[in-house]
Amino acid sequence: MHRMFCRPGRSLAAAGLLLLLAGCGQTGPLYLPPPEAPATPPVAEPPPPVPSVP
């Protein structure tokens, strides 16, 4: 860990990466679906029944 402070550029990059991963103080979820997209995936409808031919 002490080698990280030998190169200030790398420590700044690591700090920036941590801020990016933390969401910069974002309190909500990291991913919000677009408003037009449904919150849950649509359930596939069953196929229509095939009429039986005698």
C-alpha atoms as a PDB file:
ATOM      1  CA  MET A   1       0.000   0.000   0.000  1.00  0.00           C
ATOM      2  CA  HIS A   2       2.906   2.367   0.657  1.00  0.00           C
ATOM      3  CA  ARG A   3       3.946   2.155  -3.011  1.00  0.00           C
ATOM      4  CA  MET A   4       0.691   3.821  -4.031  1.00  0.00           C
ATOM      5  CA  PHE A   5       1.852   7.128  -2.566  1.00  0.00           C
ATOM      6  CA  CYS A   6       5.157   7.056  -4.476  1.00  0.00           C
ATOM      7  CA  ARG A   7       3.310   8.019  -7.673  1.00  0.00           C
ATOM      8  CA  PRO A   8       0.775  10.804  -7.122  1.00  0.00           C
ATOM      9  CA  GLY A   9      -0.751  10.248 -10.547  1.00  0.00           C
ATOM     10  CA  ARG A  10      -1.747   6.704  -9.724  1.00  0.00           C
ATOM     11  CA  SER A  11      -3.144   7.670  -6.330  1.00  0.00           C
ATOM     12  CA  LEU A  12      -5.227  10.394  -7.980  1.00  0.00           C
ATOM     13  CA  ALA A  13      -6.460   7.907 -10.547  1.00  0.00           C
ATOM     14  CA  ALA A  14      -7.363   5.444  -7.795  1.00  0.00           C
ATOM     15  CA  ALA A  15      -9.191   8.170  -5.852  1.00  0.00           C
ATOM     16  CA  GLY A  16     -11.075   9.187  -8.992  1.00  0.00           C
ATOM     17  CA  LEU A  17     -12.019   5.601  -9.661  1.00  0.00           C
ATOM     18  CA  LEU A  18     -13.323   5.227  -6.120  1.00  0.00           C
ATOM     19  CA  LEU A  19     -15.379   8.406  -6.493  1.00  0.00           C
ATOM     20  CA  LEU A  20     -16.749   7.138  -9.777  1.00  0.00           C
ATOM     21  CA  LEU A  21     -17.690   3.802  -8.238  1.00  0.00           C
ATOM     22  CA  ALA A  22     -19.250   5.519  -5.234  1.00  0.00           C
ATOM     23  CA  GLY A  23     -21.471   7.504  -7.566  1.00  0.00           C
ATOM     24  CA  CYS A  24     -20.244  10.887  -6.263  1.00  0.00           C
ATOM     25  CA  GLY A  25     -22.781  10.936  -3.424  1.00  0.00           C
ATOM     26  CA  GLN A  26     -25.624   9.397  -5.402  1.00  0.00           C
ATOM     27  CA  THR A  27     -28.266   8.136  -2.965  1.00  0.00           C
ATOM     28  CA  GLY A  28     -30.431   6.205  -5.424  1.00  0.00           C
ATOM     29  CA  PRO A  29     -29.627   2.988  -7.254  1.00  0.00           C
ATOM     30  CA  LEU A  30     -26.714   3.049  -9.672  1.00  0.00           C
ATOM     31  CA  TYR A  31     -28.921   2.079 -12.621  1.00  0.00           C
ATOM     32  CA  LEU A  32     -32.321   3.579 -13.328  1.00  0.00           C
ATOM     33  CA  PRO A  33     -34.230   2.246 -16.320  1.00  0.00           C
ATOM     34  CA  PRO A  34     -35.429   4.844 -18.826  1.00  0.00           C
ATOM     35  CA  PRO A  35     -38.951   6.136 -18.120  1.00  0.00           C
ATOM     36  CA  GLU A  36     -40.475   4.434 -21.165  1.00  0.00           C
ATOM     37  CA  ALA A  37     -39.062   1.026 -20.212  1.00  0.00           C
ATOM     38  CA  PRO A  38     -41.145  -1.125 -17.842  1.00  0.00           C
ATOM     39  CA  ALA A  39     -39.666  -1.743 -14.411  1.00  0.00           C
ATOM     40  CA  THR A  40     -40.112  -5.510 -14.784  1.00  0.00           C
ATOM     41  CA  PRO A  41     -39.519  -7.529 -17.946  1.00  0.00           C
ATOM     42  CA  PRO A  42     -42.765  -8.394 -19.783  1.00  0.00           C
ATOM     43  CA  VAL A  43     -44.107 -11.873 -19.188  1.00  0.00           C
ATOM     44  CA  ALA A  44     -44.299 -13.921 -22.367  1.00  0.00           C
ATOM     45  CA  GLU A  45     -47.871 -14.763 -23.302  1.00  0.00           C
ATOM     46  CA  PRO A  46     -48.648 -18.446 -23.857  1.00  0.00           C
ATOM     47  CA  PRO A  47     -49.173 -19.389 -27.517  1.00  0.00           C
ATOM     48  CA  PRO A  48     -52.798 -19.659 -28.701  1.00  0.00           C
ATOM     49  CA  PRO A  49     -54.281 -23.154 -28.549  1.00  0.00           C
ATOM     50  CA  VAL A  50     -54.002 -25.123 -31.778  1.00  0.00           C
ATOM     51  CA  PRO A  51     -57.393 -26.451 -32.942  1.00  0.00           C
ATOM     52  CA  SER A  52     -57.348 -30.210 -33.129  1.00  0.00           C
ATOM     53  CA  VAL A  53     -58.324 -31.613 -36.505  1.00  0.00           C
ATOM     54  CA  PRO A  54     -60.231 -34.930 -36.293  1.00  0.00           C
END
